[in-house]
Amino acid sequence: MIILGIDPGYAIVGYGVIDYDGTRFSVLEYGAISTDAKTDFSKRLLEIHLEIEKLIKKYNPAALAVEELFFNTNAKTALKVGHGRGVVMLAGALNQIEVFEYTPLQVKQAVCGYGRADKNQVQQMIKVILKLDEIPRPDDTADALAVAVCHAHSHGFTDYRTRSGRKAMGV
C-alpha cells in the first residue's frame, strides 16, 4: 500500500511517500514543498496544491495521511496552516484518495510507542524504522514520514479494491 504522508503548512509542507506491505517499509520519496514569503498567499496555496497533485499522479497512493493542527499560541498562523492543510486534503479528495487525519499524539504513539516523545525521538525512530542513513531534513519531512508510518501502523496492510477507499475482503 502506497501512503502519502503530509506535515501541513504554507511556508514549508513536508511530504513522505512510503510503500508498506504489512511487514516492511520502502521509502519512495520524501522532501518539502517551500513557498516564498514574498509571494501572494493564494499563489502559495496554489503552488502547494499543484505540487501535491504531482506527487499523487506520480505515485497513485492508496491513502493520504495528514497531521492535524496543534497550535496553542498564534491564531493567525494556525489559520494560514489550516488553509495549507485544506489544499492538501482537497488534492486527495479531487483524486478520490481517502484522507486520514492523525493528531501529533497519535503519530508519536505509533512511531515511538510514547505519545509524549520529543521531536528528536520521533526523527531517530523514523530513521530506524525506514532504514535511512540519516534523519530526513528539514524537520517537516521527517514529520511527514512519521504521519505515513502512523497510518501504516493504524490501518495495517489493507488491499484496496478502489482508490475511493473501499477495502477488500470486508476489512
N, C-alpha and C. Protein backbone atom coordinates (compact mmCIF):
# COMPACT_ATOMS: atom_id res chain seq x y z
N MET A 1 0.85 -1.16 0.00
CA MET A 1 0.00 0.00 0.00
C MET A 1 0.89 1.23 0.00
N ILE A 2 0.69 2.10 -0.95
CA ILE A 2 1.45 3.34 -1.02
C ILE A 2 0.71 4.41 -0.23
N ILE A 3 1.43 5.08 0.65
CA ILE A 3 0.87 6.10 1.52
C ILE A 3 1.64 7.39 1.31
N LEU A 4 0.90 8.48 1.13
CA LEU A 4 1.48 9.81 1.06
C LEU A 4 1.21 10.49 2.39
N GLY A 5 2.27 10.75 3.15
CA GLY A 5 2.15 11.42 4.44
C GLY A 5 2.48 12.89 4.28
N ILE A 6 1.71 13.73 4.98
CA ILE A 6 1.88 15.18 4.85
C ILE A 6 1.97 15.83 6.23
N ASP A 7 2.97 16.68 6.39
CA ASP A 7 3.05 17.60 7.53
C ASP A 7 2.67 18.96 6.95
N PRO A 8 1.44 19.42 7.21
CA PRO A 8 0.93 20.60 6.51
C PRO A 8 1.57 21.90 6.98
N GLY A 9 1.48 22.88 6.11
CA GLY A 9 1.96 24.22 6.39
C GLY A 9 1.65 25.10 5.20
N TYR A 10 2.24 26.27 5.17
CA TYR A 10 2.11 27.13 3.99
C TYR A 10 3.48 27.66 3.56
N ALA A 11 4.43 27.77 4.48
CA ALA A 11 5.79 28.13 4.12
C ALA A 11 6.56 26.88 3.72
N ILE A 12 6.38 25.81 4.51
CA ILE A 12 7.01 24.51 4.23
C ILE A 12 5.97 23.42 4.47
N VAL A 13 5.81 22.57 3.48
CA VAL A 13 4.94 21.40 3.60
C VAL A 13 5.84 20.18 3.45
N GLY A 14 5.93 19.40 4.50
CA GLY A 14 6.73 18.17 4.41
C GLY A 14 5.90 17.07 3.79
N TYR A 15 6.55 16.24 2.97
CA TYR A 15 5.86 15.08 2.40
C TYR A 15 6.76 13.86 2.44
N GLY A 16 6.12 12.71 2.54
CA GLY A 16 6.84 11.45 2.51
C GLY A 16 5.98 10.40 1.85
N VAL A 17 6.53 9.70 0.89
CA VAL A 17 5.81 8.64 0.19
C VAL A 17 6.47 7.32 0.54
N ILE A 18 5.67 6.43 1.14
CA ILE A 18 6.20 5.12 1.52
C ILE A 18 5.32 4.03 0.93
N ASP A 19 5.90 2.86 0.81
CA ASP A 19 5.16 1.66 0.42
C ASP A 19 5.26 0.70 1.60
N TYR A 20 4.12 0.21 2.04
CA TYR A 20 4.08 -0.70 3.19
C TYR A 20 3.36 -1.97 2.77
N ASP A 21 4.02 -3.12 2.94
CA ASP A 21 3.42 -4.38 2.50
C ASP A 21 2.91 -5.24 3.66
N GLY A 22 2.87 -4.65 4.85
CA GLY A 22 2.40 -5.40 6.01
C GLY A 22 3.53 -5.92 6.88
N THR A 23 4.73 -6.02 6.31
CA THR A 23 5.87 -6.48 7.09
C THR A 23 7.06 -5.52 6.99
N ARG A 24 7.13 -4.76 5.93
CA ARG A 24 8.27 -3.84 5.78
C ARG A 24 7.88 -2.58 5.02
N PHE A 25 8.71 -1.57 5.23
CA PHE A 25 8.53 -0.27 4.59
C PHE A 25 9.56 -0.07 3.50
N SER A 26 9.15 0.61 2.46
CA SER A 26 10.07 1.10 1.44
C SER A 26 9.80 2.59 1.28
N VAL A 27 10.83 3.37 1.32
CA VAL A 27 10.69 4.81 1.10
C VAL A 27 10.80 5.08 -0.39
N LEU A 28 9.78 5.70 -0.94
CA LEU A 28 9.78 6.02 -2.37
C LEU A 28 10.32 7.42 -2.64
N GLU A 29 9.92 8.37 -1.78
CA GLU A 29 10.39 9.75 -1.94
C GLU A 29 10.01 10.54 -0.69
N TYR A 30 10.81 11.53 -0.39
CA TYR A 30 10.43 12.47 0.66
C TYR A 30 11.09 13.81 0.37
N GLY A 31 10.50 14.85 0.94
CA GLY A 31 11.03 16.19 0.72
C GLY A 31 10.11 17.23 1.30
N ALA A 32 10.30 18.44 0.85
CA ALA A 32 9.49 19.55 1.33
C ALA A 32 9.13 20.47 0.17
N ILE A 33 7.93 20.98 0.24
CA ILE A 33 7.46 22.00 -0.69
C ILE A 33 7.62 23.32 0.05
N SER A 34 8.45 24.20 -0.48
CA SER A 34 8.68 25.50 0.15
C SER A 34 8.09 26.59 -0.72
N THR A 35 7.39 27.52 -0.08
CA THR A 35 6.84 28.65 -0.82
C THR A 35 7.51 29.94 -0.34
N ASP A 36 7.61 30.89 -1.23
CA ASP A 36 8.28 32.16 -0.95
C ASP A 36 7.35 33.10 -0.19
N ALA A 37 7.84 33.63 0.91
CA ALA A 37 7.05 34.54 1.75
C ALA A 37 6.64 35.80 1.00
N LYS A 38 7.36 36.16 -0.05
CA LYS A 38 7.05 37.37 -0.82
C LYS A 38 5.93 37.15 -1.83
N THR A 39 5.56 35.88 -2.03
CA THR A 39 4.51 35.54 -2.99
C THR A 39 3.14 35.70 -2.34
N ASP A 40 2.18 36.15 -3.13
CA ASP A 40 0.80 36.29 -2.66
C ASP A 40 0.33 34.96 -2.05
N PHE A 41 -0.37 35.05 -0.91
CA PHE A 41 -0.77 33.85 -0.17
C PHE A 41 -1.57 32.88 -1.04
N SER A 42 -2.50 33.38 -1.84
CA SER A 42 -3.31 32.48 -2.67
C SER A 42 -2.44 31.73 -3.69
N LYS A 43 -1.40 32.39 -4.18
CA LYS A 43 -0.49 31.72 -5.12
C LYS A 43 0.37 30.68 -4.40
N ARG A 44 0.68 30.93 -3.14
CA ARG A 44 1.42 29.94 -2.35
C ARG A 44 0.57 28.69 -2.17
N LEU A 45 -0.72 28.89 -1.88
CA LEU A 45 -1.63 27.75 -1.73
C LEU A 45 -1.75 26.98 -3.04
N LEU A 46 -1.82 27.70 -4.15
CA LEU A 46 -1.89 27.04 -5.46
C LEU A 46 -0.63 26.22 -5.71
N GLU A 47 0.52 26.77 -5.37
CA GLU A 47 1.78 26.05 -5.55
C GLU A 47 1.79 24.75 -4.74
N ILE A 48 1.33 24.82 -3.50
CA ILE A 48 1.25 23.62 -2.66
C ILE A 48 0.33 22.59 -3.31
N HIS A 49 -0.84 23.04 -3.73
CA HIS A 49 -1.81 22.14 -4.35
C HIS A 49 -1.22 21.45 -5.59
N LEU A 50 -0.58 22.23 -6.45
CA LEU A 50 -0.02 21.68 -7.69
C LEU A 50 1.09 20.66 -7.40
N GLU A 51 1.91 20.94 -6.41
CA GLU A 51 2.99 20.00 -6.06
C GLU A 51 2.44 18.70 -5.47
N ILE A 52 1.40 18.81 -4.66
CA ILE A 52 0.76 17.60 -4.11
C ILE A 52 0.12 16.80 -5.24
N GLU A 53 -0.51 17.50 -6.18
CA GLU A 53 -1.09 16.83 -7.35
C GLU A 53 -0.03 16.05 -8.12
N LYS A 54 1.15 16.62 -8.29
CA LYS A 54 2.25 15.92 -8.99
C LYS A 54 2.63 14.65 -8.26
N LEU A 55 2.72 14.72 -6.93
CA LEU A 55 3.07 13.52 -6.15
C LEU A 55 1.98 12.46 -6.29
N ILE A 56 0.74 12.88 -6.26
CA ILE A 56 -0.38 11.94 -6.40
C ILE A 56 -0.34 11.28 -7.77
N LYS A 57 -0.12 12.05 -8.81
CA LYS A 57 -0.06 11.49 -10.17
C LYS A 57 1.13 10.54 -10.32
N LYS A 58 2.25 10.88 -9.70
CA LYS A 58 3.46 10.06 -9.82
C LYS A 58 3.33 8.73 -9.09
N TYR A 59 2.75 8.74 -7.87
CA TYR A 59 2.76 7.55 -7.02
C TYR A 59 1.42 6.86 -6.86
N ASN A 60 0.33 7.52 -7.21
CA ASN A 60 -1.00 6.93 -7.10
C ASN A 60 -1.21 6.27 -5.72
N PRO A 61 -1.10 7.05 -4.65
CA PRO A 61 -1.21 6.47 -3.31
C PRO A 61 -2.61 5.94 -3.01
N ALA A 62 -2.67 4.92 -2.18
CA ALA A 62 -3.95 4.38 -1.73
C ALA A 62 -4.54 5.22 -0.62
N ALA A 63 -3.68 5.96 0.09
CA ALA A 63 -4.13 6.77 1.21
C ALA A 63 -3.29 8.03 1.33
N LEU A 64 -3.94 9.08 1.82
CA LEU A 64 -3.28 10.33 2.13
C LEU A 64 -3.42 10.54 3.63
N ALA A 65 -2.31 10.59 4.33
CA ALA A 65 -2.31 10.75 5.79
C ALA A 65 -1.80 12.15 6.12
N VAL A 66 -2.61 12.92 6.84
CA VAL A 66 -2.31 14.32 7.12
C VAL A 66 -2.32 14.54 8.62
N GLU A 67 -1.31 15.26 9.10
CA GLU A 67 -1.28 15.58 10.53
C GLU A 67 -2.28 16.68 10.83
N GLU A 68 -3.00 16.50 11.94
CA GLU A 68 -3.93 17.54 12.40
C GLU A 68 -3.13 18.68 13.01
N LEU A 69 -3.73 19.83 13.04
CA LEU A 69 -3.06 21.01 13.58
C LEU A 69 -3.02 20.99 15.09
N PHE A 70 -1.92 21.47 15.62
CA PHE A 70 -1.81 21.67 17.05
C PHE A 70 -1.15 23.02 17.27
N PHE A 71 -1.94 24.00 17.66
CA PHE A 71 -1.42 25.33 17.95
C PHE A 71 -2.03 25.80 19.25
N ASN A 72 -1.22 26.42 20.08
CA ASN A 72 -1.77 26.96 21.31
C ASN A 72 -1.41 28.43 21.52
N THR A 73 -0.82 29.05 20.48
CA THR A 73 -0.43 30.44 20.67
C THR A 73 -0.96 31.36 19.58
N ASN A 74 -0.49 31.23 18.37
CA ASN A 74 -0.77 32.21 17.32
C ASN A 74 -1.93 31.77 16.42
N ALA A 75 -3.09 32.37 16.61
CA ALA A 75 -4.28 32.01 15.84
C ALA A 75 -4.12 32.35 14.36
N LYS A 76 -3.44 33.45 14.06
CA LYS A 76 -3.25 33.84 12.65
C LYS A 76 -2.43 32.79 11.90
N THR A 77 -1.37 32.31 12.52
CA THR A 77 -0.55 31.27 11.91
C THR A 77 -1.36 29.98 11.77
N ALA A 78 -2.13 29.65 12.78
CA ALA A 78 -2.95 28.43 12.73
C ALA A 78 -3.93 28.49 11.56
N LEU A 79 -4.53 29.65 11.33
CA LEU A 79 -5.46 29.79 10.21
C LEU A 79 -4.75 29.58 8.88
N LYS A 80 -3.57 30.16 8.73
CA LYS A 80 -2.83 30.01 7.47
C LYS A 80 -2.40 28.56 7.25
N VAL A 81 -1.93 27.91 8.31
CA VAL A 81 -1.56 26.49 8.19
C VAL A 81 -2.80 25.67 7.84
N GLY A 82 -3.94 26.03 8.43
CA GLY A 82 -5.19 25.36 8.11
C GLY A 82 -5.56 25.48 6.64
N HIS A 83 -5.27 26.62 6.05
CA HIS A 83 -5.51 26.80 4.61
C HIS A 83 -4.61 25.84 3.81
N GLY A 84 -3.34 25.77 4.21
CA GLY A 84 -2.41 24.85 3.53
C GLY A 84 -2.86 23.41 3.66
N ARG A 85 -3.32 23.06 4.84
CA ARG A 85 -3.83 21.71 5.09
C ARG A 85 -5.05 21.43 4.21
N GLY A 86 -5.89 22.46 4.06
CA GLY A 86 -7.09 22.32 3.24
C GLY A 86 -6.79 22.02 1.78
N VAL A 87 -5.78 22.70 1.20
CA VAL A 87 -5.49 22.44 -0.21
C VAL A 87 -4.89 21.05 -0.40
N VAL A 88 -4.18 20.57 0.61
CA VAL A 88 -3.64 19.20 0.55
C VAL A 88 -4.79 18.19 0.57
N MET A 89 -5.73 18.40 1.49
CA MET A 89 -6.88 17.48 1.60
C MET A 89 -7.75 17.55 0.35
N LEU A 90 -7.88 18.75 -0.22
CA LEU A 90 -8.63 18.90 -1.47
C LEU A 90 -8.00 18.09 -2.59
N ALA A 91 -6.68 18.11 -2.69
CA ALA A 91 -5.99 17.32 -3.72
C ALA A 91 -6.33 15.84 -3.58
N GLY A 92 -6.35 15.36 -2.33
CA GLY A 92 -6.74 13.96 -2.11
C GLY A 92 -8.16 13.70 -2.55
N ALA A 93 -9.07 14.56 -2.15
CA ALA A 93 -10.48 14.38 -2.50
C ALA A 93 -10.71 14.45 -4.01
N LEU A 94 -10.05 15.39 -4.66
CA LEU A 94 -10.21 15.53 -6.12
C LEU A 94 -9.70 14.29 -6.87
N ASN A 95 -8.75 13.60 -6.26
CA ASN A 95 -8.18 12.40 -6.89
C ASN A 95 -8.77 11.12 -6.31
N GLN A 96 -9.85 11.25 -5.56
CA GLN A 96 -10.57 10.11 -4.97
C GLN A 96 -9.68 9.22 -4.11
N ILE A 97 -8.82 9.89 -3.35
CA ILE A 97 -7.95 9.19 -2.41
C ILE A 97 -8.50 9.43 -1.02
N GLU A 98 -8.66 8.38 -0.26
CA GLU A 98 -9.17 8.53 1.10
C GLU A 98 -8.14 9.27 1.95
N VAL A 99 -8.63 10.27 2.68
CA VAL A 99 -7.77 11.11 3.51
C VAL A 99 -7.97 10.71 4.98
N PHE A 100 -6.86 10.50 5.67
CA PHE A 100 -6.88 10.13 7.08
C PHE A 100 -6.15 11.22 7.86
N GLU A 101 -6.66 11.56 9.03
CA GLU A 101 -6.07 12.60 9.85
C GLU A 101 -5.59 12.01 11.17
N TYR A 102 -4.40 12.45 11.60
CA TYR A 102 -3.82 11.96 12.84
C TYR A 102 -3.31 13.13 13.68
N THR A 103 -3.56 13.05 14.96
CA THR A 103 -3.05 14.07 15.87
C THR A 103 -1.56 13.84 16.11
N PRO A 104 -0.84 14.87 16.54
CA PRO A 104 0.57 14.66 16.88
C PRO A 104 0.75 13.57 17.93
N LEU A 105 -0.15 13.48 18.88
CA LEU A 105 -0.09 12.44 19.91
C LEU A 105 -0.18 11.04 19.29
N GLN A 106 -1.11 10.86 18.34
CA GLN A 106 -1.26 9.57 17.66
C GLN A 106 -0.01 9.21 16.87
N VAL A 107 0.58 10.20 16.21
CA VAL A 107 1.78 9.96 15.40
C VAL A 107 2.93 9.52 16.31
N LYS A 108 3.13 10.24 17.40
CA LYS A 108 4.21 9.90 18.33
C LYS A 108 4.00 8.51 18.93
N GLN A 109 2.77 8.20 19.26
CA GLN A 109 2.45 6.88 19.84
C GLN A 109 2.76 5.77 18.83
N ALA A 110 2.37 5.98 17.58
CA ALA A 110 2.58 4.96 16.55
C ALA A 110 4.05 4.76 16.22
N VAL A 111 4.81 5.83 16.23
CA VAL A 111 6.22 5.76 15.82
C VAL A 111 7.15 5.41 16.98
N CYS A 112 6.89 5.98 18.15
CA CYS A 112 7.80 5.81 19.29
C CYS A 112 7.23 4.93 20.40
N GLY A 113 5.92 4.68 20.35
CA GLY A 113 5.30 3.93 21.43
C GLY A 113 5.01 4.78 22.65
N TYR A 114 5.21 6.10 22.51
CA TYR A 114 5.03 7.02 23.61
C TYR A 114 4.50 8.34 23.05
N GLY A 115 3.31 8.72 23.46
CA GLY A 115 2.65 9.90 22.91
C GLY A 115 3.26 11.23 23.28
N ARG A 116 4.19 11.23 24.22
CA ARG A 116 4.83 12.48 24.63
C ARG A 116 6.30 12.54 24.16
N ALA A 117 6.64 11.72 23.19
CA ALA A 117 8.01 11.71 22.67
C ALA A 117 8.37 13.08 22.11
N ASP A 118 9.64 13.45 22.21
CA ASP A 118 10.04 14.74 21.66
C ASP A 118 10.40 14.58 20.18
N LYS A 119 10.60 15.70 19.52
CA LYS A 119 10.85 15.73 18.08
C LYS A 119 12.06 14.88 17.70
N ASN A 120 13.13 14.96 18.48
CA ASN A 120 14.33 14.19 18.19
C ASN A 120 14.07 12.69 18.27
N GLN A 121 13.28 12.25 19.26
CA GLN A 121 12.96 10.83 19.38
C GLN A 121 12.19 10.34 18.16
N VAL A 122 11.24 11.14 17.69
CA VAL A 122 10.46 10.78 16.50
C VAL A 122 11.38 10.68 15.29
N GLN A 123 12.25 11.66 15.13
CA GLN A 123 13.16 11.66 13.99
C GLN A 123 14.10 10.45 14.01
N GLN A 124 14.62 10.12 15.19
CA GLN A 124 15.50 8.96 15.31
C GLN A 124 14.76 7.66 14.97
N MET A 125 13.53 7.54 15.45
CA MET A 125 12.74 6.34 15.17
C MET A 125 12.41 6.22 13.68
N ILE A 126 12.11 7.34 13.03
CA ILE A 126 11.84 7.32 11.59
C ILE A 126 13.07 6.83 10.84
N LYS A 127 14.23 7.31 11.25
CA LYS A 127 15.48 6.85 10.63
C LYS A 127 15.63 5.34 10.77
N VAL A 128 15.33 4.82 11.95
CA VAL A 128 15.48 3.38 12.22
C VAL A 128 14.39 2.58 11.48
N ILE A 129 13.14 2.96 11.65
CA ILE A 129 12.02 2.21 11.05
C ILE A 129 12.15 2.13 9.54
N LEU A 130 12.55 3.25 8.92
CA LEU A 130 12.62 3.30 7.46
C LEU A 130 14.01 2.97 6.92
N LYS A 131 14.92 2.60 7.83
CA LYS A 131 16.29 2.20 7.45
C LYS A 131 16.98 3.28 6.59
N LEU A 132 16.90 4.51 7.08
CA LEU A 132 17.53 5.64 6.38
C LEU A 132 18.94 5.85 6.92
N ASP A 133 19.81 6.38 6.09
CA ASP A 133 21.19 6.65 6.51
C ASP A 133 21.27 7.84 7.46
N GLU A 134 20.33 8.78 7.32
CA GLU A 134 20.34 9.96 8.17
C GLU A 134 18.91 10.43 8.41
N ILE A 135 18.76 11.31 9.37
CA ILE A 135 17.45 11.88 9.66
C ILE A 135 17.06 12.79 8.50
N PRO A 136 15.86 12.61 7.96
CA PRO A 136 15.42 13.48 6.86
C PRO A 136 15.33 14.93 7.30
N ARG A 137 15.75 15.82 6.43
CA ARG A 137 15.69 17.26 6.68
C ARG A 137 14.93 17.92 5.55
N PRO A 138 14.21 18.99 5.81
CA PRO A 138 14.00 19.62 7.10
C PRO A 138 13.10 18.78 8.01
N ASP A 139 12.91 19.25 9.23
CA ASP A 139 12.10 18.52 10.22
C ASP A 139 10.72 18.15 9.68
N ASP A 140 10.15 19.02 8.86
CA ASP A 140 8.81 18.77 8.31
C ASP A 140 8.77 17.48 7.50
N THR A 141 9.88 17.15 6.87
CA THR A 141 9.97 15.93 6.07
C THR A 141 9.92 14.68 6.96
N ALA A 142 10.68 14.70 8.05
CA ALA A 142 10.64 13.58 8.99
C ALA A 142 9.25 13.45 9.60
N ASP A 143 8.62 14.59 9.87
CA ASP A 143 7.25 14.57 10.42
C ASP A 143 6.27 13.94 9.44
N ALA A 144 6.42 14.27 8.16
CA ALA A 144 5.53 13.71 7.14
C ALA A 144 5.71 12.20 7.03
N LEU A 145 6.95 11.74 7.06
CA LEU A 145 7.20 10.29 7.04
C LEU A 145 6.60 9.63 8.27
N ALA A 146 6.67 10.30 9.41
CA ALA A 146 6.10 9.76 10.65
C ALA A 146 4.58 9.63 10.52
N VAL A 147 3.93 10.58 9.87
CA VAL A 147 2.48 10.51 9.67
C VAL A 147 2.14 9.32 8.77
N ALA A 148 2.95 9.09 7.74
CA ALA A 148 2.72 7.95 6.85
C ALA A 148 2.90 6.63 7.60
N VAL A 149 3.95 6.54 8.41
CA VAL A 149 4.18 5.34 9.21
C VAL A 149 3.04 5.13 10.20
N CYS A 150 2.56 6.21 10.79
CA CYS A 150 1.42 6.13 11.71
C CYS A 150 0.22 5.52 11.01
N HIS A 151 -0.04 5.97 9.78
CA HIS A 151 -1.18 5.40 9.05
C HIS A 151 -0.98 3.91 8.80
N ALA A 152 0.22 3.54 8.40
CA ALA A 152 0.50 2.12 8.14
C ALA A 152 0.26 1.29 9.39
N HIS A 153 0.73 1.79 10.53
CA HIS A 153 0.55 1.05 11.79
C HIS A 153 -0.91 1.07 12.24
N SER A 154 -1.62 2.14 11.96
CA SER A 154 -3.02 2.26 12.38
C SER A 154 -3.96 1.41 11.55
N HIS A 155 -3.65 1.29 10.28
CA HIS A 155 -4.54 0.56 9.39
C HIS A 155 -4.00 -0.78 8.94
N GLY A 156 -2.74 -1.04 9.24
CA GLY A 156 -2.14 -2.29 8.82
C GLY A 156 -2.15 -2.41 7.31
N PHE A 157 -1.85 -3.55 6.82
CA PHE A 157 -1.85 -3.76 5.37
C PHE A 157 -3.26 -4.08 4.93
N THR A 158 -3.78 -3.24 4.08
CA THR A 158 -5.13 -3.42 3.56
C THR A 158 -5.06 -3.33 2.05
N ASP A 159 -5.60 -4.30 1.41
CA ASP A 159 -5.64 -4.30 -0.04
C ASP A 159 -6.87 -3.50 -0.47
N TYR A 160 -6.65 -2.40 -1.15
CA TYR A 160 -7.76 -1.54 -1.57
C TYR A 160 -8.31 -1.98 -2.92
N ARG A 161 -9.62 -2.18 -2.97
CA ARG A 161 -10.28 -2.53 -4.21
C ARG A 161 -10.33 -1.35 -5.15
N THR A 162 -10.63 -0.19 -4.60
CA THR A 162 -10.68 1.01 -5.43
C THR A 162 -9.93 2.13 -4.72
N ARG A 163 -9.66 3.18 -5.43
CA ARG A 163 -8.97 4.32 -4.85
C ARG A 163 -9.88 5.13 -3.96
N SER A 164 -11.17 4.84 -3.93
CA SER A 164 -12.07 5.60 -3.06
C SER A 164 -12.05 5.07 -1.64
N GLY A 165 -11.27 4.04 -1.38
CA GLY A 165 -11.09 3.59 -0.01
C GLY A 165 -11.92 2.39 0.39
N ARG A 166 -12.75 1.84 -0.50
CA ARG A 166 -13.48 0.63 -0.13
C ARG A 166 -12.48 -0.51 -0.02
N LYS A 167 -12.51 -1.18 1.08
CA LYS A 167 -11.48 -2.19 1.36
C LYS A 167 -11.93 -3.58 0.93
N ALA A 168 -10.97 -4.35 0.54
CA ALA A 168 -11.23 -5.72 0.10
C ALA A 168 -11.53 -6.62 1.28
N MET A 169 -12.17 -7.70 1.03
CA MET A 169 -12.42 -8.78 1.99
C MET A 169 -13.15 -8.31 3.24
N GLY A 170 -13.96 -7.27 3.12
CA GLY A 170 -14.80 -6.82 4.22
C GLY A 170 -14.04 -6.21 5.39
N VAL A 171 -12.76 -5.91 5.22
CA VAL A 171 -11.95 -5.34 6.30
C VAL A 171 -12.26 -3.86 6.43
